[in-house]
Amino acid sequence: MHRSPRPAVQFITGSGPFACRLRSARTFLCRPAVRVTALVVAVLISVWNVDRVPHLAVLPAVIGLLPFAIGKYVACPLRWHALSSSGQTRRWHIRAYAESEVLGLISPWHAGADLWRVHRLETAGVRRTPAIAEVALDRFVGAVGMVVAVMVSGVALPPVVMAVALGGAAVVMIAAVVVGRRKPELMNRWPRPSPKAFALGVLLSIGYQLTIVGLLVGAIHAVGDSVSTLQLLGVFGAAQIAGALPGIHGATPREGALVAGLAAIGVSWTAAFGAVALTALLTWVPALLFGGTFLLLRWRGRHREPLRGAAAA
């Protein structure tokens, strides 16, 4: 008796109803009008928040933004390149990462950035499973660097957070061991960076976290207040823990924790709101300058990379 394909097979082959809805959603999101509207709304929200601050100095904000731009658009792509097995150049990773940031800023939990990076890897000849694994690995190394930075800042991780982190790591390790023994062909598809590449990725992640602190210091001075750097490190570490919860850029639990933490160490509520809103707005500047430019050139058909042999294999 003939049986219809299972839902999982339908999803993989793209013939099921869920796959059709997924394609429809992807088509809707790929429309330039939808992307531009989401981008404009997100920027206007940040501008509206900053406009409520009575005092704003430009120079401290610019000084804080410069190291952040280097950390975000140089250090993070280099981390991805160090962990990548796609065979693409550093320049390719820098360009693809910058493009992804624009989409990440307008999506919850920055998910749009990961989806775009997976898409770019696929267009470069990498199969979907290794592409997803590579982006997930880069995320994981970034999270390790964040945890190290939080520990260095002197913030004690809550027992529940520590238990969940250790439990999740244990499950991943056990699953990797089981799959490696029973399905070794699957493990060969997943990236396994060398200890040197992993350590380099963690160091680059820590450096990027420090540039975020520099951006926050500049924003606080820009709104006419000041704070001890050591106290700010503690507040920043606690806020990064809250950043594990999802939200839209500029309105996440991380921003709320930052405002509360700054107020707790002596920054006025007005200055705390203004500084956090200013950091959310400032991050758009390099995103639109670099990522926006690359996306515009790509949509106009001026960026067409040929498939590399290592990636297409």
C-alpha atoms as a PDB file:
ATOM      1  CA  MET A   1       0.000   0.000   0.000  1.00  0.00           C
ATOM      2  CA  HIS A   2       1.300   3.415  -0.967  1.00  0.00           C
ATOM      3  CA  ARG A   3       2.077   5.763   1.908  1.00  0.00           C
ATOM      4  CA  SER A   4       2.398   9.513   1.726  1.00  0.00           C
ATOM      5  CA  PRO A   5       5.760  11.027   2.640  1.00  0.00           C
ATOM      6  CA  ARG A   6       6.367  11.805   6.286  1.00  0.00           C
ATOM      7  CA  PRO A   7       6.228  15.459   7.349  1.00  0.00           C
ATOM      8  CA  ALA A   8       9.986  15.485   7.957  1.00  0.00           C
ATOM      9  CA  VAL A   9      10.624  14.293   4.415  1.00  0.00           C
ATOM     10  CA  GLN A  10       8.183  16.838   3.068  1.00  0.00           C
ATOM     11  CA  PHE A  11       9.996  19.610   4.910  1.00  0.00           C
ATOM     12  CA  ILE A  12      13.383  18.526   3.609  1.00  0.00           C
ATOM     13  CA  THR A  13      12.176  18.220   0.034  1.00  0.00           C
ATOM     14  CA  GLY A  14      10.168  21.428   0.282  1.00  0.00           C
ATOM     15  CA  SER A  15       6.841  19.777  -0.634  1.00  0.00           C
ATOM     16  CA  GLY A  16       4.931  20.012   2.647  1.00  0.00           C
ATOM     17  CA  PRO A  17       2.479  22.719   3.762  1.00  0.00           C
ATOM     18  CA  PHE A  18       4.938  24.009   6.380  1.00  0.00           C
ATOM     19  CA  ALA A  19       7.623  24.388   3.719  1.00  0.00           C
ATOM     20  CA  CYS A  20       5.159  26.323   1.549  1.00  0.00           C
ATOM     21  CA  ARG A  21       4.374  28.696   4.398  1.00  0.00           C
ATOM     22  CA  LEU A  22       8.092  29.058   5.084  1.00  0.00           C
ATOM     23  CA  ARG A  23       8.739  29.991   1.455  1.00  0.00           C
ATOM     24  CA  SER A  24       5.867  32.479   1.557  1.00  0.00           C
ATOM     25  CA  ALA A  25       7.245  34.092   4.724  1.00  0.00           C
ATOM     26  CA  ARG A  26      10.721  34.232   3.201  1.00  0.00           C
ATOM     27  CA  THR A  27       9.353  35.852   0.052  1.00  0.00           C
ATOM     28  CA  PHE A  28       7.516  38.448   2.144  1.00  0.00           C
ATOM     29  CA  LEU A  29      10.582  39.250   4.247  1.00  0.00           C
ATOM     30  CA  CYS A  30      12.798  39.533   1.173  1.00  0.00           C
ATOM     31  CA  ARG A  31      10.717  42.367  -0.265  1.00  0.00           C
ATOM     32  CA  PRO A  32      12.739  45.602  -0.190  1.00  0.00           C
ATOM     33  CA  ALA A  33       9.719  47.590   1.072  1.00  0.00           C
ATOM     34  CA  VAL A  34       9.358  45.324   4.114  1.00  0.00           C
ATOM     35  CA  ARG A  35      13.052  45.556   4.976  1.00  0.00           C
ATOM     36  CA  VAL A  36      13.174  49.320   4.541  1.00  0.00           C
ATOM     37  CA  THR A  37      10.037  49.816   6.653  1.00  0.00           C
ATOM     38  CA  ALA A  38      11.392  47.691   9.511  1.00  0.00           C
ATOM     39  CA  LEU A  39      14.707  49.513   9.308  1.00  0.00           C
ATOM     40  CA  VAL A  40      13.140  52.977   9.397  1.00  0.00           C
ATOM     41  CA  VAL A  41      10.829  52.091  12.308  1.00  0.00           C
ATOM     42  CA  ALA A  42      13.706  50.684  14.377  1.00  0.00           C
ATOM     43  CA  VAL A  43      15.890  53.758  13.784  1.00  0.00           C
ATOM     44  CA  LEU A  44      13.018  56.161  14.555  1.00  0.00           C
ATOM     45  CA  ILE A  45      12.395  54.422  17.886  1.00  0.00           C
ATOM     46  CA  SER A  46      16.045  54.892  18.858  1.00  0.00           C
ATOM     47  CA  VAL A  47      16.008  58.535  17.746  1.00  0.00           C
ATOM     48  CA  TRP A  48      12.811  59.191  19.723  1.00  0.00           C
ATOM     49  CA  ASN A  49      14.367  57.761  22.888  1.00  0.00           C
ATOM     50  CA  VAL A  50      17.524  59.873  22.524  1.00  0.00           C
ATOM     51  CA  ASP A  51      15.506  63.012  21.726  1.00  0.00           C
ATOM     52  CA  ARG A  52      14.086  62.879  25.246  1.00  0.00           C
ATOM     53  CA  VAL A  53      17.563  63.498  26.735  1.00  0.00           C
ATOM     54  CA  PRO A  54      17.987  67.213  27.596  1.00  0.00           C
ATOM     55  CA  HIS A  55      21.783  67.299  27.100  1.00  0.00           C
ATOM     56  CA  LEU A  56      23.840  65.536  24.458  1.00  0.00           C
ATOM     57  CA  ALA A  57      27.510  65.997  23.521  1.00  0.00           C
ATOM     58  CA  VAL A  58      28.656  64.496  20.232  1.00  0.00           C
ATOM     59  CA  LEU A  59      32.421  64.106  20.802  1.00  0.00           C
ATOM     60  CA  PRO A  60      32.293  61.565  23.698  1.00  0.00           C
ATOM     61  CA  ALA A  61      29.780  59.525  21.740  1.00  0.00           C
ATOM     62  CA  VAL A  62      32.025  59.437  18.676  1.00  0.00           C
ATOM     63  CA  ILE A  63      35.069  58.495  20.756  1.00  0.00           C
ATOM     64  CA  GLY A  64      33.145  55.601  22.296  1.00  0.00           C
ATOM     65  CA  LEU A  65      31.774  54.517  18.928  1.00  0.00           C
ATOM     66  CA  LEU A  66      35.130  54.125  17.160  1.00  0.00           C
ATOM     67  CA  PRO A  67      36.472  51.148  19.182  1.00  0.00           C
ATOM     68  CA  PHE A  68      33.033  49.543  19.125  1.00  0.00           C
ATOM     69  CA  ALA A  69      32.933  49.721  15.316  1.00  0.00           C
ATOM     70  CA  ILE A  70      36.344  48.047  15.164  1.00  0.00           C
ATOM     71  CA  GLY A  71      35.280  45.344  17.621  1.00  0.00           C
ATOM     72  CA  LYS A  72      31.974  44.674  15.906  1.00  0.00           C
ATOM     73  CA  TYR A  73      33.006  44.831  12.267  1.00  0.00           C
ATOM     74  CA  VAL A  74      36.601  43.627  12.463  1.00  0.00           C
ATOM     75  CA  ALA A  75      37.103  41.477  15.583  1.00  0.00           C
ATOM     76  CA  CYS A  76      33.816  39.560  15.261  1.00  0.00           C
ATOM     77  CA  PRO A  77      34.244  38.729  11.541  1.00  0.00           C
ATOM     78  CA  LEU A  78      37.843  37.661  12.222  1.00  0.00           C
ATOM     79  CA  ARG A  79      36.539  35.335  14.952  1.00  0.00           C
ATOM     80  CA  TRP A  80      34.109  33.841  12.453  1.00  0.00           C
ATOM     81  CA  HIS A  81      36.900  33.478   9.882  1.00  0.00           C
ATOM     82  CA  ALA A  82      39.171  31.758  12.425  1.00  0.00           C
ATOM     83  CA  LEU A  83      36.460  29.178  13.162  1.00  0.00           C
ATOM     84  CA  SER A  84      35.228  28.791   9.585  1.00  0.00           C
ATOM     85  CA  SER A  85      35.996  25.905   7.260  1.00  0.00           C
ATOM     86  CA  SER A  86      34.261  27.465   4.252  1.00  0.00           C
ATOM     87  CA  GLY A  87      37.503  28.486   2.548  1.00  0.00           C
ATOM     88  CA  GLN A  88      36.376  32.102   2.159  1.00  0.00           C
ATOM     89  CA  THR A  89      38.707  35.047   2.701  1.00  0.00           C
ATOM     90  CA  ARG A  90      38.771  37.470   5.626  1.00  0.00           C
ATOM     91  CA  ARG A  91      37.342  40.141   3.346  1.00  0.00           C
ATOM     92  CA  TRP A  92      34.400  37.897   2.480  1.00  0.00           C
ATOM     93  CA  HIS A  93      33.661  37.259   6.165  1.00  0.00           C
ATOM     94  CA  ILE A  94      33.903  40.965   7.036  1.00  0.00           C
ATOM     95  CA  ARG A  95      31.490  41.876   4.237  1.00  0.00           C
ATOM     96  CA  ALA A  96      29.003  39.076   5.014  1.00  0.00           C
ATOM     97  CA  TYR A  97      29.088  39.854   8.738  1.00  0.00           C
ATOM     98  CA  ALA A  98      28.450  43.556   8.126  1.00  0.00           C
ATOM     99  CA  GLU A  99      25.488  42.718   5.884  1.00  0.00           C
ATOM    100  CA  SER A 100      24.034  40.412   8.520  1.00  0.00           C
ATOM    101  CA  GLU A 101      24.174  43.034  11.263  1.00  0.00           C
ATOM    102  CA  VAL A 102      21.643  45.270   9.524  1.00  0.00           C
ATOM    103  CA  LEU A 103      19.141  42.417   9.422  1.00  0.00           C
ATOM    104  CA  GLY A 104      20.041  41.372  12.960  1.00  0.00           C
ATOM    105  CA  LEU A 105      19.240  44.790  14.399  1.00  0.00           C
ATOM    106  CA  ILE A 106      15.673  44.644  13.080  1.00  0.00           C
ATOM    107  CA  SER A 107      14.937  41.064  14.204  1.00  0.00           C
ATOM    108  CA  PRO A 108      14.294  39.534  17.649  1.00  0.00           C
ATOM    109  CA  TRP A 109      17.305  38.010  19.380  1.00  0.00           C
ATOM    110  CA  HIS A 110      19.464  39.126  16.449  1.00  0.00           C
ATOM    111  CA  ALA A 111      18.236  36.012  14.622  1.00  0.00           C
ATOM    112  CA  GLY A 112      18.173  37.723  11.238  1.00  0.00           C
ATOM    113  CA  ALA A 113      21.960  38.049  11.322  1.00  0.00           C
ATOM    114  CA  ASP A 114      22.435  34.297  11.758  1.00  0.00           C
ATOM    115  CA  LEU A 115      19.954  33.478   9.013  1.00  0.00           C
ATOM    116  CA  TRP A 116      21.706  35.846   6.620  1.00  0.00           C
ATOM    117  CA  ARG A 117      25.133  34.378   7.399  1.00  0.00           C
ATOM    118  CA  VAL A 118      23.804  30.879   6.751  1.00  0.00           C
ATOM    119  CA  HIS A 119      22.347  32.133   3.472  1.00  0.00           C
ATOM    120  CA  ARG A 120      25.655  33.707   2.448  1.00  0.00           C
ATOM    121  CA  LEU A 121      27.516  30.490   3.221  1.00  0.00           C
ATOM    122  CA  GLU A 122      25.046  28.533   1.114  1.00  0.00           C
ATOM    123  CA  THR A 123      25.459  30.914  -1.811  1.00  0.00           C
ATOM    124  CA  ALA A 124      29.224  30.410  -1.469  1.00  0.00           C
ATOM    125  CA  GLY A 125      28.793  26.657  -1.954  1.00  0.00           C
ATOM    126  CA  VAL A 126      28.553  25.414   1.644  1.00  0.00           C
ATOM    127  CA  ARG A 127      25.801  22.922   2.323  1.00  0.00           C
ATOM    128  CA  ARG A 128      23.028  23.919   4.708  1.00  0.00           C
ATOM    129  CA  THR A 129      23.908  21.644   7.635  1.00  0.00           C
ATOM    130  CA  PRO A 130      27.591  22.678   7.803  1.00  0.00           C
ATOM    131  CA  ALA A 131      26.571  26.319   7.308  1.00  0.00           C
ATOM    132  CA  ILE A 132      24.175  26.211  10.258  1.00  0.00           C
ATOM    133  CA  ALA A 133      26.768  24.390  12.354  1.00  0.00           C
ATOM    134  CA  GLU A 134      29.420  26.979  11.537  1.00  0.00           C
ATOM    135  CA  VAL A 135      27.237  29.931  12.510  1.00  0.00           C
ATOM    136  CA  ALA A 136      26.142  28.120  15.686  1.00  0.00           C
ATOM    137  CA  LEU A 137      29.780  27.484  16.564  1.00  0.00           C
ATOM    138  CA  ASP A 138      30.595  31.159  16.118  1.00  0.00           C
ATOM    139  CA  ARG A 139      27.659  32.047  18.379  1.00  0.00           C
ATOM    140  CA  PHE A 140      28.859  29.550  20.982  1.00  0.00           C
ATOM    141  CA  VAL A 141      32.406  30.913  21.021  1.00  0.00           C
ATOM    142  CA  GLY A 142      31.009  34.426  21.316  1.00  0.00           C
ATOM    143  CA  ALA A 143      28.948  33.306  24.314  1.00  0.00           C
ATOM    144  CA  VAL A 144      32.038  31.753  25.908  1.00  0.00           C
ATOM    145  CA  GLY A 145      33.891  35.039  25.503  1.00  0.00           C
ATOM    146  CA  MET A 146      30.955  36.892  27.053  1.00  0.00           C
ATOM    147  CA  VAL A 147      30.890  34.564  30.068  1.00  0.00           C
ATOM    148  CA  VAL A 148      34.632  34.994  30.554  1.00  0.00           C
ATOM    149  CA  ALA A 149      34.238  38.771  30.331  1.00  0.00           C
ATOM    150  CA  VAL A 150      31.412  38.642  32.885  1.00  0.00           C
ATOM    151  CA  MET A 151      33.540  36.577  35.267  1.00  0.00           C
ATOM    152  CA  VAL A 152      36.480  38.944  34.849  1.00  0.00           C
ATOM    153  CA  SER A 153      34.191  41.882  35.651  1.00  0.00           C
ATOM    154  CA  GLY A 154      33.548  40.345  39.057  1.00  0.00           C
ATOM    155  CA  VAL A 155      29.875  39.498  38.602  1.00  0.00           C
ATOM    156  CA  ALA A 156      28.841  36.243  40.250  1.00  0.00           C
ATOM    157  CA  LEU A 157      26.630  34.208  37.967  1.00  0.00           C
ATOM    158  CA  PRO A 158      23.337  33.218  39.651  1.00  0.00           C
ATOM    159  CA  PRO A 159      23.226  29.517  40.640  1.00  0.00           C
ATOM    160  CA  VAL A 160      20.294  28.874  38.293  1.00  0.00           C
ATOM    161  CA  VAL A 161      22.141  30.431  35.333  1.00  0.00           C
ATOM    162  CA  MET A 162      25.300  28.483  36.170  1.00  0.00           C
ATOM    163  CA  ALA A 163      23.356  25.219  36.513  1.00  0.00           C
ATOM    164  CA  VAL A 164      21.578  25.732  33.180  1.00  0.00           C
ATOM    165  CA  ALA A 165      24.843  26.618  31.430  1.00  0.00           C
ATOM    166  CA  LEU A 166      26.717  23.623  32.826  1.00  0.00           C
ATOM    167  CA  GLY A 167      23.771  21.305  32.173  1.00  0.00           C
ATOM    168  CA  GLY A 168      23.468  22.492  28.592  1.00  0.00           C
ATOM    169  CA  ALA A 169      27.203  22.044  28.020  1.00  0.00           C
ATOM    170  CA  ALA A 170      27.035  18.527  29.477  1.00  0.00           C
ATOM    171  CA  VAL A 171      24.113  17.566  27.220  1.00  0.00           C
ATOM    172  CA  VAL A 172      25.940  18.892  24.151  1.00  0.00           C
ATOM    173  CA  MET A 173      29.110  16.970  25.035  1.00  0.00           C
ATOM    174  CA  ILE A 174      27.230  13.721  25.716  1.00  0.00           C
ATOM    175  CA  ALA A 175      25.253  14.061  22.490  1.00  0.00           C
ATOM    176  CA  ALA A 176      28.461  14.718  20.551  1.00  0.00           C
ATOM    177  CA  VAL A 177      30.114  11.608  22.005  1.00  0.00           C
ATOM    178  CA  VAL A 178      27.084   9.399  21.258  1.00  0.00           C
ATOM    179  CA  VAL A 179      26.677  10.703  17.708  1.00  0.00           C
ATOM    180  CA  GLY A 180      30.420  10.423  17.097  1.00  0.00           C
ATOM    181  CA  ARG A 181      30.344   6.732  18.006  1.00  0.00           C
ATOM    182  CA  ARG A 182      27.115   5.719  16.294  1.00  0.00           C
ATOM    183  CA  LYS A 183      27.060   8.109  13.320  1.00  0.00           C
ATOM    184  CA  PRO A 184      30.648   9.162  12.609  1.00  0.00           C
ATOM    185  CA  GLU A 185      29.674  10.339   9.108  1.00  0.00           C
ATOM    186  CA  LEU A 186      27.461  13.029  10.669  1.00  0.00           C
ATOM    187  CA  MET A 187      30.240  14.336  12.879  1.00  0.00           C
ATOM    188  CA  ASN A 188      32.429  14.838   9.835  1.00  0.00           C
ATOM    189  CA  ARG A 189      29.964  17.485   8.611  1.00  0.00           C
ATOM    190  CA  TRP A 190      30.285  19.616  11.736  1.00  0.00           C
ATOM    191  CA  PRO A 191      33.166  22.071  12.162  1.00  0.00           C
ATOM    192  CA  ARG A 192      35.782  21.167  14.732  1.00  0.00           C
ATOM    193  CA  PRO A 193      38.161  24.093  15.222  1.00  0.00           C
ATOM    194  CA  SER A 194      41.643  23.589  16.546  1.00  0.00           C
ATOM    195  CA  PRO A 195      42.373  24.629  20.149  1.00  0.00           C
ATOM    196  CA  LYS A 196      44.354  27.579  18.785  1.00  0.00           C
ATOM    197  CA  ALA A 197      41.419  28.781  16.662  1.00  0.00           C
ATOM    198  CA  PHE A 198      39.024  28.321  19.573  1.00  0.00           C
ATOM    199  CA  ALA A 199      41.273  30.284  21.946  1.00  0.00           C
ATOM    200  CA  LEU A 200      41.695  33.039  19.347  1.00  0.00           C
ATOM    201  CA  GLY A 201      37.926  33.229  18.957  1.00  0.00           C
ATOM    202  CA  VAL A 202      37.419  33.570  22.712  1.00  0.00           C
ATOM    203  CA  LEU A 203      40.053  36.320  22.937  1.00  0.00           C
ATOM    204  CA  LEU A 204      38.448  38.238  20.079  1.00  0.00           C
ATOM    205  CA  SER A 205      35.081  37.889  21.820  1.00  0.00           C
ATOM    206  CA  ILE A 206      36.496  39.301  25.064  1.00  0.00           C
ATOM    207  CA  GLY A 207      37.992  42.209  23.134  1.00  0.00           C
ATOM    208  CA  TYR A 208      34.620  42.884  21.537  1.00  0.00           C
ATOM    209  CA  GLN A 209      32.920  42.920  24.953  1.00  0.00           C
ATOM    210  CA  LEU A 210      35.417  45.545  26.120  1.00  0.00           C
ATOM    211  CA  THR A 211      34.572  47.747  23.140  1.00  0.00           C
ATOM    212  CA  ILE A 212      30.908  47.639  24.203  1.00  0.00           C
ATOM    213  CA  VAL A 213      31.977  48.963  27.604  1.00  0.00           C
ATOM    214  CA  GLY A 214      33.869  51.753  25.834  1.00  0.00           C
ATOM    215  CA  LEU A 215      30.748  52.632  23.846  1.00  0.00           C
ATOM    216  CA  LEU A 216      28.709  52.779  27.040  1.00  0.00           C
ATOM    217  CA  VAL A 217      31.296  55.010  28.747  1.00  0.00           C
ATOM    218  CA  GLY A 218      31.193  57.400  25.808  1.00  0.00           C
ATOM    219  CA  ALA A 219      27.390  57.446  25.848  1.00  0.00           C
ATOM    220  CA  ILE A 220      27.283  58.237  29.585  1.00  0.00           C
ATOM    221  CA  HIS A 221      29.677  61.137  29.145  1.00  0.00           C
ATOM    222  CA  ALA A 222      27.713  62.289  26.090  1.00  0.00           C
ATOM    223  CA  VAL A 223      24.540  62.724  28.188  1.00  0.00           C
ATOM    224  CA  GLY A 224      26.436  64.751  30.807  1.00  0.00           C
ATOM    225  CA  ASP A 225      27.141  62.179  33.522  1.00  0.00           C
ATOM    226  CA  SER A 226      30.072  60.010  34.606  1.00  0.00           C
ATOM    227  CA  VAL A 227      30.619  56.753  36.427  1.00  0.00           C
ATOM    228  CA  SER A 228      33.457  54.633  37.802  1.00  0.00           C
ATOM    229  CA  THR A 229      34.767  52.198  35.202  1.00  0.00           C
ATOM    230  CA  LEU A 230      35.001  49.376  37.758  1.00  0.00           C
ATOM    231  CA  GLN A 231      31.387  49.882  38.801  1.00  0.00           C
ATOM    232  CA  LEU A 232      30.362  50.049  35.169  1.00  0.00           C
ATOM    233  CA  LEU A 233      32.054  46.702  34.481  1.00  0.00           C
ATOM    234  CA  GLY A 234      29.941  45.084  37.166  1.00  0.00           C
ATOM    235  CA  VAL A 235      26.742  46.607  35.782  1.00  0.00           C
ATOM    236  CA  PHE A 236      27.721  45.596  32.255  1.00  0.00           C
ATOM    237  CA  GLY A 237      28.348  41.993  33.310  1.00  0.00           C
ATOM    238  CA  ALA A 238      24.949  41.732  34.979  1.00  0.00           C
ATOM    239  CA  ALA A 239      23.259  43.265  31.925  1.00  0.00           C
ATOM    240  CA  GLN A 240      24.930  40.771  29.605  1.00  0.00           C
ATOM    241  CA  ILE A 241      23.374  37.948  31.609  1.00  0.00           C
ATOM    242  CA  ALA A 242      19.951  39.536  31.092  1.00  0.00           C
ATOM    243  CA  GLY A 243      20.783  39.810  27.392  1.00  0.00           C
ATOM    244  CA  ALA A 244      20.310  36.045  27.077  1.00  0.00           C
ATOM    245  CA  LEU A 245      16.557  36.745  26.928  1.00  0.00           C
ATOM    246  CA  PRO A 246      15.090  37.667  23.513  1.00  0.00           C
ATOM    247  CA  GLY A 247      13.962  41.113  22.467  1.00  0.00           C
ATOM    248  CA  ILE A 248      14.149  43.770  19.745  1.00  0.00           C
ATOM    249  CA  HIS A 249      17.287  45.906  19.520  1.00  0.00           C
ATOM    250  CA  GLY A 250      16.954  48.875  21.877  1.00  0.00           C
ATOM    251  CA  ALA A 251      14.137  47.278  23.887  1.00  0.00           C
ATOM    252  CA  THR A 252      15.602  44.059  25.297  1.00  0.00           C
ATOM    253  CA  PRO A 253      15.994  42.908  28.918  1.00  0.00           C
ATOM    254  CA  ARG A 254      19.663  43.825  28.527  1.00  0.00           C
ATOM    255  CA  GLU A 255      18.809  47.507  28.029  1.00  0.00           C
ATOM    256  CA  GLY A 256      16.445  47.420  30.996  1.00  0.00           C
ATOM    257  CA  ALA A 257      19.111  45.853  33.198  1.00  0.00           C
ATOM    258  CA  LEU A 258      21.614  48.474  32.068  1.00  0.00           C
ATOM    259  CA  VAL A 259      19.286  51.334  32.973  1.00  0.00           C
ATOM    260  CA  ALA A 260      18.549  49.859  36.406  1.00  0.00           C
ATOM    261  CA  GLY A 261      22.222  49.098  37.032  1.00  0.00           C
ATOM    262  CA  LEU A 262      23.390  52.581  36.054  1.00  0.00           C
ATOM    263  CA  ALA A 263      20.780  54.146  38.324  1.00  0.00           C
ATOM    264  CA  ALA A 264      21.923  51.870  41.158  1.00  0.00           C
ATOM    265  CA  ILE A 265      25.529  53.137  40.953  1.00  0.00           C
ATOM    266  CA  GLY A 266      24.604  56.792  41.011  1.00  0.00           C
ATOM    267  CA  VAL A 267      23.709  57.767  37.439  1.00  0.00           C
ATOM    268  CA  SER A 268      20.493  59.783  37.256  1.00  0.00           C
ATOM    269  CA  TRP A 269      17.521  58.009  35.725  1.00  0.00           C
ATOM    270  CA  THR A 270      17.350  60.543  32.918  1.00  0.00           C
ATOM    271  CA  ALA A 271      21.021  60.071  32.071  1.00  0.00           C
ATOM    272  CA  ALA A 272      20.726  56.275  32.384  1.00  0.00           C
ATOM    273  CA  PHE A 273      17.793  56.142  29.962  1.00  0.00           C
ATOM    274  CA  GLY A 274      19.554  58.551  27.632  1.00  0.00           C
ATOM    275  CA  ALA A 275      22.876  56.690  27.640  1.00  0.00           C
ATOM    276  CA  VAL A 276      21.283  53.311  26.935  1.00  0.00           C
ATOM    277  CA  ALA A 277      19.076  54.781  24.195  1.00  0.00           C
ATOM    278  CA  LEU A 278      22.110  56.521  22.713  1.00  0.00           C
ATOM    279  CA  THR A 279      24.099  53.281  22.551  1.00  0.00           C
ATOM    280  CA  ALA A 280      21.172  51.648  20.726  1.00  0.00           C
ATOM    281  CA  LEU A 281      21.149  54.509  18.243  1.00  0.00           C
ATOM    282  CA  LEU A 282      24.925  54.658  17.790  1.00  0.00           C
ATOM    283  CA  THR A 283      25.117  51.004  16.799  1.00  0.00           C
ATOM    284  CA  TRP A 284      23.068  51.894  13.720  1.00  0.00           C
ATOM    285  CA  VAL A 285      25.775  54.229  12.430  1.00  0.00           C
ATOM    286  CA  PRO A 286      28.406  51.592  11.472  1.00  0.00           C
ATOM    287  CA  ALA A 287      25.650  49.088  10.636  1.00  0.00           C
ATOM    288  CA  LEU A 288      24.160  51.365   8.001  1.00  0.00           C
ATOM    289  CA  LEU A 289      27.537  52.668   6.865  1.00  0.00           C
ATOM    290  CA  PHE A 290      29.139  49.264   6.294  1.00  0.00           C
ATOM    291  CA  GLY A 291      26.384  46.672   6.200  1.00  0.00           C
ATOM    292  CA  GLY A 292      23.864  48.947   4.506  1.00  0.00           C
ATOM    293  CA  THR A 293      26.333  49.837   1.781  1.00  0.00           C
ATOM    294  CA  PHE A 294      27.249  46.209   1.115  1.00  0.00           C
ATOM    295  CA  LEU A 295      23.584  45.177   1.039  1.00  0.00           C
ATOM    296  CA  LEU A 296      22.730  47.985  -1.362  1.00  0.00           C
ATOM    297  CA  LEU A 297      25.545  46.958  -3.695  1.00  0.00           C
ATOM    298  CA  ARG A 298      24.438  43.334  -3.491  1.00  0.00           C
ATOM    299  CA  TRP A 299      20.810  44.157  -4.281  1.00  0.00           C
ATOM    300  CA  ARG A 300      22.018  46.169  -7.256  1.00  0.00           C
ATOM    301  CA  GLY A 301      23.979  43.142  -8.448  1.00  0.00           C
ATOM    302  CA  ARG A 302      27.482  44.528  -8.012  1.00  0.00           C
ATOM    303  CA  HIS A 303      28.777  41.870  -5.595  1.00  0.00           C
ATOM    304  CA  ARG A 304      28.984  38.435  -7.142  1.00  0.00           C
ATOM    305  CA  GLU A 305      31.591  36.148  -5.601  1.00  0.00           C
ATOM    306  CA  PRO A 306      32.560  33.030  -7.534  1.00  0.00           C
ATOM    307  CA  LEU A 307      32.321  29.691  -5.762  1.00  0.00           C
ATOM    308  CA  ARG A 308      35.597  28.611  -4.197  1.00  0.00           C
ATOM    309  CA  GLY A 309      36.731  25.075  -4.661  1.00  0.00           C
ATOM    310  CA  ALA A 310      37.111  24.382  -0.941  1.00  0.00           C
ATOM    311  CA  ALA A 311      33.615  25.655  -0.219  1.00  0.00           C
ATOM    312  CA  ALA A 312      31.887  23.966  -3.117  1.00  0.00           C
ATOM    313  CA  ALA A 313      33.337  20.546  -2.378  1.00  0.00           C
END
